[in-house]
């Protein structure tokens, strides 16, 4: 899992990660280059990209049911 902080610096993300106690990686997207490649509005965006670089799952927002669906897709790809 990689969380991308749009319009945030690496330093801001390090502080945020520490404050929240997260252990997963966060990547800065200060100029929205990554965000603009996958979205035009609305966050969060949840994507699963397979080992060949294909997007195999894409949803906007968050629900527990969608999270369970993502977990199952990830398990199937491992």
PDB file of N, CA and C in Angstrom:
ATOM      1  N   UNK A   1       0.848  -1.166   0.000  1.00  0.00           N
ATOM      2  CA  UNK A   1       0.000   0.000   0.000  1.00  0.00           C
ATOM      3  C   UNK A   1       0.894   1.228   0.000  1.00  0.00           C
ATOM      4  N   UNK A   2       0.502   2.191  -0.780  1.00  0.00           N
ATOM      5  CA  UNK A   2       1.207   3.464  -0.836  1.00  0.00           C
ATOM      6  C   UNK A   2       0.170   4.569  -0.806  1.00  0.00           C
ATOM      7  N   UNK A   3       0.317   5.463   0.125  1.00  0.00           N
ATOM      8  CA  UNK A   3      -0.564   6.620   0.219  1.00  0.00           C
ATOM      9  C   UNK A   3       0.152   7.804  -0.403  1.00  0.00           C
ATOM     10  N   UNK A   4      -0.559   8.526  -1.255  1.00  0.00           N
ATOM     11  CA  UNK A   4       0.025   9.671  -1.933  1.00  0.00           C
ATOM     12  C   UNK A   4      -0.622  10.936  -1.402  1.00  0.00           C
ATOM     13  N   UNK A   5       0.215  11.818  -0.877  1.00  0.00           N
ATOM     14  CA  UNK A   5      -0.269  13.089  -0.336  1.00  0.00           C
ATOM     15  C   UNK A   5      -0.187  14.173  -1.379  1.00  0.00           C
ATOM     16  N   UNK A   6      -1.321  14.469  -1.980  1.00  0.00           N
ATOM     17  CA  UNK A   6      -1.298  15.494  -3.030  1.00  0.00           C
ATOM     18  C   UNK A   6      -1.116  16.866  -2.388  1.00  0.00           C
ATOM     19  N   UNK A   7      -0.263  17.647  -3.024  1.00  0.00           N
ATOM     20  CA  UNK A   7       0.053  19.007  -2.604  1.00  0.00           C
ATOM     21  C   UNK A   7       0.693  19.061  -1.213  1.00  0.00           C
ATOM     22  N   UNK A   8       1.326  17.973  -0.783  1.00  0.00           N
ATOM     23  CA  UNK A   8       2.042  17.952   0.495  1.00  0.00           C
ATOM     24  C   UNK A   8       3.505  17.647   0.243  1.00  0.00           C
ATOM     25  N   UNK A   9       4.343  18.184   1.105  1.00  0.00           N
ATOM     26  CA  UNK A   9       5.771  17.929   1.001  1.00  0.00           C
ATOM     27  C   UNK A   9       6.127  16.650   1.752  1.00  0.00           C
ATOM     28  N   UNK A  10       7.300  16.146   1.481  1.00  0.00           N
ATOM     29  CA  UNK A  10       7.783  14.965   2.192  1.00  0.00           C
ATOM     30  C   UNK A  10       7.835  15.241   3.690  1.00  0.00           C
ATOM     31  N   UNK A  11       8.299  16.413   4.084  1.00  0.00           N
ATOM     32  CA  UNK A  11       8.396  16.765   5.498  1.00  0.00           C
ATOM     33  C   UNK A  11       7.017  16.751   6.169  1.00  0.00           C
ATOM     34  N   UNK A  12       6.009  17.290   5.494  1.00  0.00           N
ATOM     35  CA  UNK A  12       4.649  17.286   6.040  1.00  0.00           C
ATOM     36  C   UNK A  12       4.145  15.861   6.224  1.00  0.00           C
ATOM     37  N   UNK A  13       4.431  15.011   5.257  1.00  0.00           N
ATOM     38  CA  UNK A  13       3.965  13.630   5.329  1.00  0.00           C
ATOM     39  C   UNK A  13       4.684  12.854   6.429  1.00  0.00           C
ATOM     40  N   UNK A  14       5.956  13.125   6.650  1.00  0.00           N
ATOM     41  CA  UNK A  14       6.692  12.464   7.728  1.00  0.00           C
ATOM     42  C   UNK A  14       6.059  12.819   9.075  1.00  0.00           C
ATOM     43  N   UNK A  15       5.743  14.098   9.274  1.00  0.00           N
ATOM     44  CA  UNK A  15       5.105  14.536  10.521  1.00  0.00           C
ATOM     45  C   UNK A  15       3.727  13.897  10.678  1.00  0.00           C
ATOM     46  N   UNK A  16       2.943  13.880   9.609  1.00  0.00           N
ATOM     47  CA  UNK A  16       1.601  13.296   9.641  1.00  0.00           C
ATOM     48  C   UNK A  16       1.671  11.809   9.964  1.00  0.00           C
ATOM     49  N   UNK A  17       2.569  11.111   9.310  1.00  0.00           N
ATOM     50  CA  UNK A  17       2.737   9.669   9.522  1.00  0.00           C
ATOM     51  C   UNK A  17       3.107   9.381  10.969  1.00  0.00           C
ATOM     52  N   UNK A  18       4.014  10.164  11.510  1.00  0.00           N
ATOM     53  CA  UNK A  18       4.440   9.986  12.893  1.00  0.00           C
ATOM     54  C   UNK A  18       3.288  10.270  13.862  1.00  0.00           C
ATOM     55  N   UNK A  19       2.573  11.358  13.621  1.00  0.00           N
ATOM     56  CA  UNK A  19       1.447  11.747  14.481  1.00  0.00           C
ATOM     57  C   UNK A  19       0.371  10.664  14.526  1.00  0.00           C
ATOM     58  N   UNK A  20       0.095  10.068  13.375  1.00  0.00           N
ATOM     59  CA  UNK A  20      -0.958   9.056  13.276  1.00  0.00           C
ATOM     60  C   UNK A  20      -0.472   7.655  13.634  1.00  0.00           C
ATOM     61  N   UNK A  21       0.855   7.467  13.683  1.00  0.00           N
ATOM     62  CA  UNK A  21       1.392   6.149  13.989  1.00  0.00           C
ATOM     63  C   UNK A  21       1.311   5.171  12.833  1.00  0.00           C
ATOM     64  N   UNK A  22       1.220   5.686  11.618  1.00  0.00           N
ATOM     65  CA  UNK A  22       1.155   4.822  10.445  1.00  0.00           C
ATOM     66  C   UNK A  22       2.512   4.174  10.182  1.00  0.00           C
ATOM     67  N   UNK A  23       2.490   2.970   9.632  1.00  0.00           N
ATOM     68  CA  UNK A  23       3.730   2.274   9.296  1.00  0.00           C
ATOM     69  C   UNK A  23       3.882   2.065   7.793  1.00  0.00           C
ATOM     70  N   UNK A  24       2.852   2.383   7.034  1.00  0.00           N
ATOM     71  CA  UNK A  24       2.926   2.219   5.583  1.00  0.00           C
ATOM     72  C   UNK A  24       3.556   3.458   4.950  1.00  0.00           C
ATOM     73  N   UNK A  25       4.092   3.314   3.733  1.00  0.00           N
ATOM     74  CA  UNK A  25       4.764   4.443   3.088  1.00  0.00           C
ATOM     75  C   UNK A  25       3.792   5.515   2.592  1.00  0.00           C
ATOM     76  N   UNK A  26       4.238   6.745   2.659  1.00  0.00           N
ATOM     77  CA  UNK A  26       3.517   7.883   2.105  1.00  0.00           C
ATOM     78  C   UNK A  26       4.447   8.581   1.119  1.00  0.00           C
ATOM     79  N   UNK A  27       3.914   8.997  -0.007  1.00  0.00           N
ATOM     80  CA  UNK A  27       4.718   9.654  -1.028  1.00  0.00           C
ATOM     81  C   UNK A  27       4.150  11.042  -1.315  1.00  0.00           C
ATOM     82  N   UNK A  28       5.040  12.015  -1.399  1.00  0.00           N
ATOM     83  CA  UNK A  28       4.620  13.392  -1.679  1.00  0.00           C
ATOM     84  C   UNK A  28       4.324  13.573  -3.168  1.00  0.00           C
ATOM     85  N   UNK A  29       3.260  14.301  -3.446  1.00  0.00           N
ATOM     86  CA  UNK A  29       2.887  14.659  -4.821  1.00  0.00           C
ATOM     87  C   UNK A  29       2.644  16.167  -4.829  1.00  0.00           C
ATOM     88  N   UNK A  30       3.705  16.921  -4.595  1.00  0.00           N
ATOM     89  CA  UNK A  30       3.577  18.365  -4.387  1.00  0.00           C
ATOM     90  C   UNK A  30       2.975  19.107  -5.574  1.00  0.00           C
ATOM     91  N   UNK A  31       3.208  18.623  -6.772  1.00  0.00           N
ATOM     92  CA  UNK A  31       2.685  19.323  -7.958  1.00  0.00           C
ATOM     93  C   UNK A  31       1.496  18.610  -8.599  1.00  0.00           C
ATOM     94  N   UNK A  32       0.913  17.625  -7.890  1.00  0.00           N
ATOM     95  CA  UNK A  32      -0.294  16.902  -8.333  1.00  0.00           C
ATOM     96  C   UNK A  32      -0.083  16.075  -9.598  1.00  0.00           C
ATOM     97  N   UNK A  33       1.130  15.758  -9.935  1.00  0.00           N
ATOM     98  CA  UNK A  33       1.395  14.996 -11.155  1.00  0.00           C
ATOM     99  C   UNK A  33       0.780  13.603 -11.077  1.00  0.00           C
ATOM    100  N   UNK A  34       0.964  12.923  -9.975  1.00  0.00           N
ATOM    101  CA  UNK A  34       0.382  11.580  -9.816  1.00  0.00           C
ATOM    102  C   UNK A  34      -1.135  11.670  -9.710  1.00  0.00           C
ATOM    103  N   UNK A  35      -1.612  12.578  -8.879  1.00  0.00           N
ATOM    104  CA  UNK A  35      -3.057  12.753  -8.709  1.00  0.00           C
ATOM    105  C   UNK A  35      -3.735  13.024 -10.042  1.00  0.00           C
ATOM    106  N   UNK A  36      -3.167  13.928 -10.821  1.00  0.00           N
ATOM    107  CA  UNK A  36      -3.774  14.283 -12.101  1.00  0.00           C
ATOM    108  C   UNK A  36      -3.753  13.135 -13.110  1.00  0.00           C
ATOM    109  N   UNK A  37      -2.880  12.163 -12.904  1.00  0.00           N
ATOM    110  CA  UNK A  37      -2.852  11.003 -13.801  1.00  0.00           C
ATOM    111  C   UNK A  37      -4.016  10.051 -13.554  1.00  0.00           C
ATOM    112  N   UNK A  38      -4.572  10.081 -12.333  1.00  0.00           N
ATOM    113  CA  UNK A  38      -5.607   9.121 -11.967  1.00  0.00           C
ATOM    114  C   UNK A  38      -6.927   9.751 -11.537  1.00  0.00           C
ATOM    115  N   UNK A  39      -6.955  11.049 -11.320  1.00  0.00           N
ATOM    116  CA  UNK A  39      -8.170  11.660 -10.789  1.00  0.00           C
ATOM    117  C   UNK A  39      -8.269  13.111 -11.235  1.00  0.00           C
ATOM    118  N   UNK A  40      -9.482  13.626 -11.234  1.00  0.00           N
ATOM    119  CA  UNK A  40      -9.682  15.047 -11.474  1.00  0.00           C
ATOM    120  C   UNK A  40     -10.295  15.714 -10.251  1.00  0.00           C
ATOM    121  N   UNK A  41     -10.940  14.942  -9.412  1.00  0.00           N
ATOM    122  CA  UNK A  41     -11.528  15.437  -8.173  1.00  0.00           C
ATOM    123  C   UNK A  41     -11.838  14.246  -7.273  1.00  0.00           C
ATOM    124  N   UNK A  42     -12.249  14.549  -6.082  1.00  0.00           N
ATOM    125  CA  UNK A  42     -12.655  13.544  -5.095  1.00  0.00           C
ATOM    126  C   UNK A  42     -11.516  12.639  -4.639  1.00  0.00           C
ATOM    127  N   UNK A  43     -11.330  12.588  -3.352  1.00  0.00           N
ATOM    128  CA  UNK A  43     -10.389  11.661  -2.741  1.00  0.00           C
ATOM    129  C   UNK A  43     -11.092  11.011  -1.565  1.00  0.00           C
ATOM    130  N   UNK A  44     -10.755   9.872  -1.105  1.00  0.00           N
ATOM    131  CA  UNK A  44      -9.642   9.086  -1.608  1.00  0.00           C
ATOM    132  C   UNK A  44      -9.988   8.346  -2.896  1.00  0.00           C
ATOM    133  N   UNK A  45      -8.965   7.987  -3.610  1.00  0.00           N
ATOM    134  CA  UNK A  45      -9.059   7.102  -4.774  1.00  0.00           C
ATOM    135  C   UNK A  45      -8.330   5.831  -4.394  1.00  0.00           C
ATOM    136  N   UNK A  46      -8.937   4.720  -4.600  1.00  0.00           N
ATOM    137  CA  UNK A  46      -8.330   3.437  -4.272  1.00  0.00           C
ATOM    138  C   UNK A  46      -8.095   2.671  -5.557  1.00  0.00           C
ATOM    139  N   UNK A  47      -6.832   2.390  -5.811  1.00  0.00           N
ATOM    140  CA  UNK A  47      -6.462   1.657  -7.012  1.00  0.00           C
ATOM    141  C   UNK A  47      -5.629   0.452  -6.617  1.00  0.00           C
ATOM    142  N   UNK A  48      -5.845  -0.635  -7.322  1.00  0.00           N
ATOM    143  CA  UNK A  48      -4.959  -1.790  -7.220  1.00  0.00           C
ATOM    144  C   UNK A  48      -4.374  -1.966  -8.610  1.00  0.00           C
ATOM    145  N   UNK A  49      -3.052  -1.965  -8.646  1.00  0.00           N
ATOM    146  CA  UNK A  49      -2.335  -2.110  -9.905  1.00  0.00           C
ATOM    147  C   UNK A  49      -1.589  -3.433  -9.856  1.00  0.00           C
ATOM    148  N   UNK A  50      -1.816  -4.303 -10.834  1.00  0.00           N
ATOM    149  CA  UNK A  50      -1.179  -5.623 -10.815  1.00  0.00           C
ATOM    150  C   UNK A  50       0.291  -5.543 -11.212  1.00  0.00           C
ATOM    151  N   UNK A  51       0.970  -6.685 -11.152  1.00  0.00           N
ATOM    152  CA  UNK A  51       2.407  -6.710 -11.416  1.00  0.00           C
ATOM    153  C   UNK A  51       2.762  -6.321 -12.844  1.00  0.00           C
ATOM    154  N   UNK A  52       1.780  -6.318 -13.747  1.00  0.00           N
ATOM    155  CA  UNK A  52       2.013  -5.916 -15.128  1.00  0.00           C
ATOM    156  C   UNK A  52       1.698  -4.441 -15.372  1.00  0.00           C
ATOM    157  N   UNK A  53       1.302  -3.734 -14.291  1.00  0.00           N
ATOM    158  CA  UNK A  53       0.990  -2.315 -14.414  1.00  0.00           C
ATOM    159  C   UNK A  53      -0.434  -2.012 -14.821  1.00  0.00           C
ATOM    160  N   UNK A  54      -1.306  -3.030 -14.816  1.00  0.00           N
ATOM    161  CA  UNK A  54      -2.710  -2.828 -15.175  1.00  0.00           C
ATOM    162  C   UNK A  54      -3.532  -2.461 -13.953  1.00  0.00           C
ATOM    163  N   UNK A  55      -4.415  -1.489 -14.098  1.00  0.00           N
ATOM    164  CA  UNK A  55      -5.329  -1.148 -13.014  1.00  0.00           C
ATOM    165  C   UNK A  55      -6.411  -2.224 -12.978  1.00  0.00           C
ATOM    166  N   UNK A  56      -6.480  -2.965 -11.873  1.00  0.00           N
ATOM    167  CA  UNK A  56      -7.456  -4.052 -11.760  1.00  0.00           C
ATOM    168  C   UNK A  56      -8.586  -3.706 -10.794  1.00  0.00           C
ATOM    169  N   UNK A  57      -8.456  -2.580 -10.100  1.00  0.00           N
ATOM    170  CA  UNK A  57      -9.503  -2.126  -9.179  1.00  0.00           C
ATOM    171  C   UNK A  57      -9.406  -0.620  -9.075  1.00  0.00           C
ATOM    172  N   UNK A  58     -10.563   0.047  -9.121  1.00  0.00           N
ATOM    173  CA  UNK A  58     -10.591   1.497  -8.998  1.00  0.00           C
ATOM    174  C   UNK A  58     -11.915   1.918  -8.387  1.00  0.00           C
ATOM    175  N   UNK A  59     -11.860   2.619  -7.276  1.00  0.00           N
ATOM    176  CA  UNK A  59     -13.074   3.152  -6.636  1.00  0.00           C
ATOM    177  C   UNK A  59     -12.755   4.506  -6.032  1.00  0.00           C
ATOM    178  N   UNK A  60     -13.784   5.313  -5.877  1.00  0.00           N
ATOM    179  CA  UNK A  60     -13.687   6.586  -5.176  1.00  0.00           C
ATOM    180  C   UNK A  60     -14.300   6.427  -3.796  1.00  0.00           C
ATOM    181  N   UNK A  61     -13.729   7.124  -2.822  1.00  0.00           N
ATOM    182  CA  UNK A  61     -14.302   7.103  -1.487  1.00  0.00           C
ATOM    183  C   UNK A  61     -13.901   5.862  -0.718  1.00  0.00           C
ATOM    184  N   UNK A  62     -14.645   5.581   0.339  1.00  0.00           N
ATOM    185  CA  UNK A  62     -14.307   4.445   1.190  1.00  0.00           C
ATOM    186  C   UNK A  62     -15.554   3.901   1.867  1.00  0.00           C
ATOM    187  N   UNK A  63     -15.721   2.596   1.791  1.00  0.00           N
ATOM    188  CA  UNK A  63     -16.699   1.885   2.609  1.00  0.00           C
ATOM    189  C   UNK A  63     -16.018   0.611   3.096  1.00  0.00           C
ATOM    190  N   UNK A  64     -16.508   0.059   4.204  1.00  0.00           N
ATOM    191  CA  UNK A  64     -15.921  -1.180   4.711  1.00  0.00           C
ATOM    192  C   UNK A  64     -16.077  -2.319   3.717  1.00  0.00           C
ATOM    193  N   UNK A  65     -17.197  -2.358   3.027  1.00  0.00           N
ATOM    194  CA  UNK A  65     -17.426  -3.423   2.046  1.00  0.00           C
ATOM    195  C   UNK A  65     -16.421  -3.327   0.893  1.00  0.00           C
ATOM    196  N   UNK A  66     -16.167  -2.122   0.409  1.00  0.00           N
ATOM    197  CA  UNK A  66     -15.187  -1.949  -0.660  1.00  0.00           C
ATOM    198  C   UNK A  66     -13.788  -2.316  -0.173  1.00  0.00           C
ATOM    199  N   UNK A  67     -13.486  -2.014   1.094  1.00  0.00           N
ATOM    200  CA  UNK A  67     -12.182  -2.388   1.632  1.00  0.00           C
ATOM    201  C   UNK A  67     -12.028  -3.904   1.637  1.00  0.00           C
ATOM    202  N   UNK A  68     -13.068  -4.614   2.058  1.00  0.00           N
ATOM    203  CA  UNK A  68     -13.033  -6.082   2.049  1.00  0.00           C
ATOM    204  C   UNK A  68     -12.834  -6.604   0.624  1.00  0.00           C
ATOM    205  N   UNK A  69     -13.494  -5.961  -0.335  1.00  0.00           N
ATOM    206  CA  UNK A  69     -13.337  -6.351  -1.739  1.00  0.00           C
ATOM    207  C   UNK A  69     -11.882  -6.156  -2.188  1.00  0.00           C
ATOM    208  N   UNK A  70     -11.275  -5.036  -1.794  1.00  0.00           N
ATOM    209  CA  UNK A  70      -9.875  -4.789  -2.145  1.00  0.00           C
ATOM    210  C   UNK A  70      -8.965  -5.851  -1.546  1.00  0.00           C
ATOM    211  N   UNK A  71      -9.212  -6.212  -0.297  1.00  0.00           N
ATOM    212  CA  UNK A  71      -8.398  -7.236   0.363  1.00  0.00           C
ATOM    213  C   UNK A  71      -8.471  -8.548  -0.401  1.00  0.00           C
ATOM    214  N   UNK A  72      -9.643  -8.939  -0.819  1.00  0.00           N
ATOM    215  CA  UNK A  72      -9.814 -10.192  -1.568  1.00  0.00           C
ATOM    216  C   UNK A  72      -9.100 -10.137  -2.917  1.00  0.00           C
ATOM    217  N   UNK A  73      -9.157  -9.006  -3.582  1.00  0.00           N
ATOM    218  CA  UNK A  73      -8.479  -8.860  -4.869  1.00  0.00           C
ATOM    219  C   UNK A  73      -6.969  -8.951  -4.665  1.00  0.00           C
ATOM    220  N   UNK A  74      -6.472  -8.300  -3.646  1.00  0.00           N
ATOM    221  CA  UNK A  74      -5.031  -8.357  -3.358  1.00  0.00           C
ATOM    222  C   UNK A  74      -4.609  -9.797  -3.055  1.00  0.00           C
ATOM    223  N   UNK A  75      -5.404 -10.495  -2.251  1.00  0.00           N
ATOM    224  CA  UNK A  75      -5.088 -11.898  -1.943  1.00  0.00           C
ATOM    225  C   UNK A  75      -5.030 -12.720  -3.215  1.00  0.00           C
ATOM    226  N   UNK A  76      -5.950 -12.474  -4.135  1.00  0.00           N
ATOM    227  CA  UNK A  76      -5.991 -13.265  -5.370  1.00  0.00           C
ATOM    228  C   UNK A  76      -4.790 -12.979  -6.270  1.00  0.00           C
ATOM    229  N   UNK A  77      -4.197 -11.811  -6.113  1.00  0.00           N
ATOM    230  CA  UNK A  77      -3.062 -11.429  -6.953  1.00  0.00           C
ATOM    231  C   UNK A  77      -1.720 -11.864  -6.379  1.00  0.00           C
ATOM    232  N   UNK A  78      -1.711 -12.254  -5.114  1.00  0.00           N
ATOM    233  CA  UNK A  78      -0.443 -12.638  -4.487  1.00  0.00           C
ATOM    234  C   UNK A  78      -0.004 -14.029  -4.894  1.00  0.00           C
TER     235      UNK A  78
END
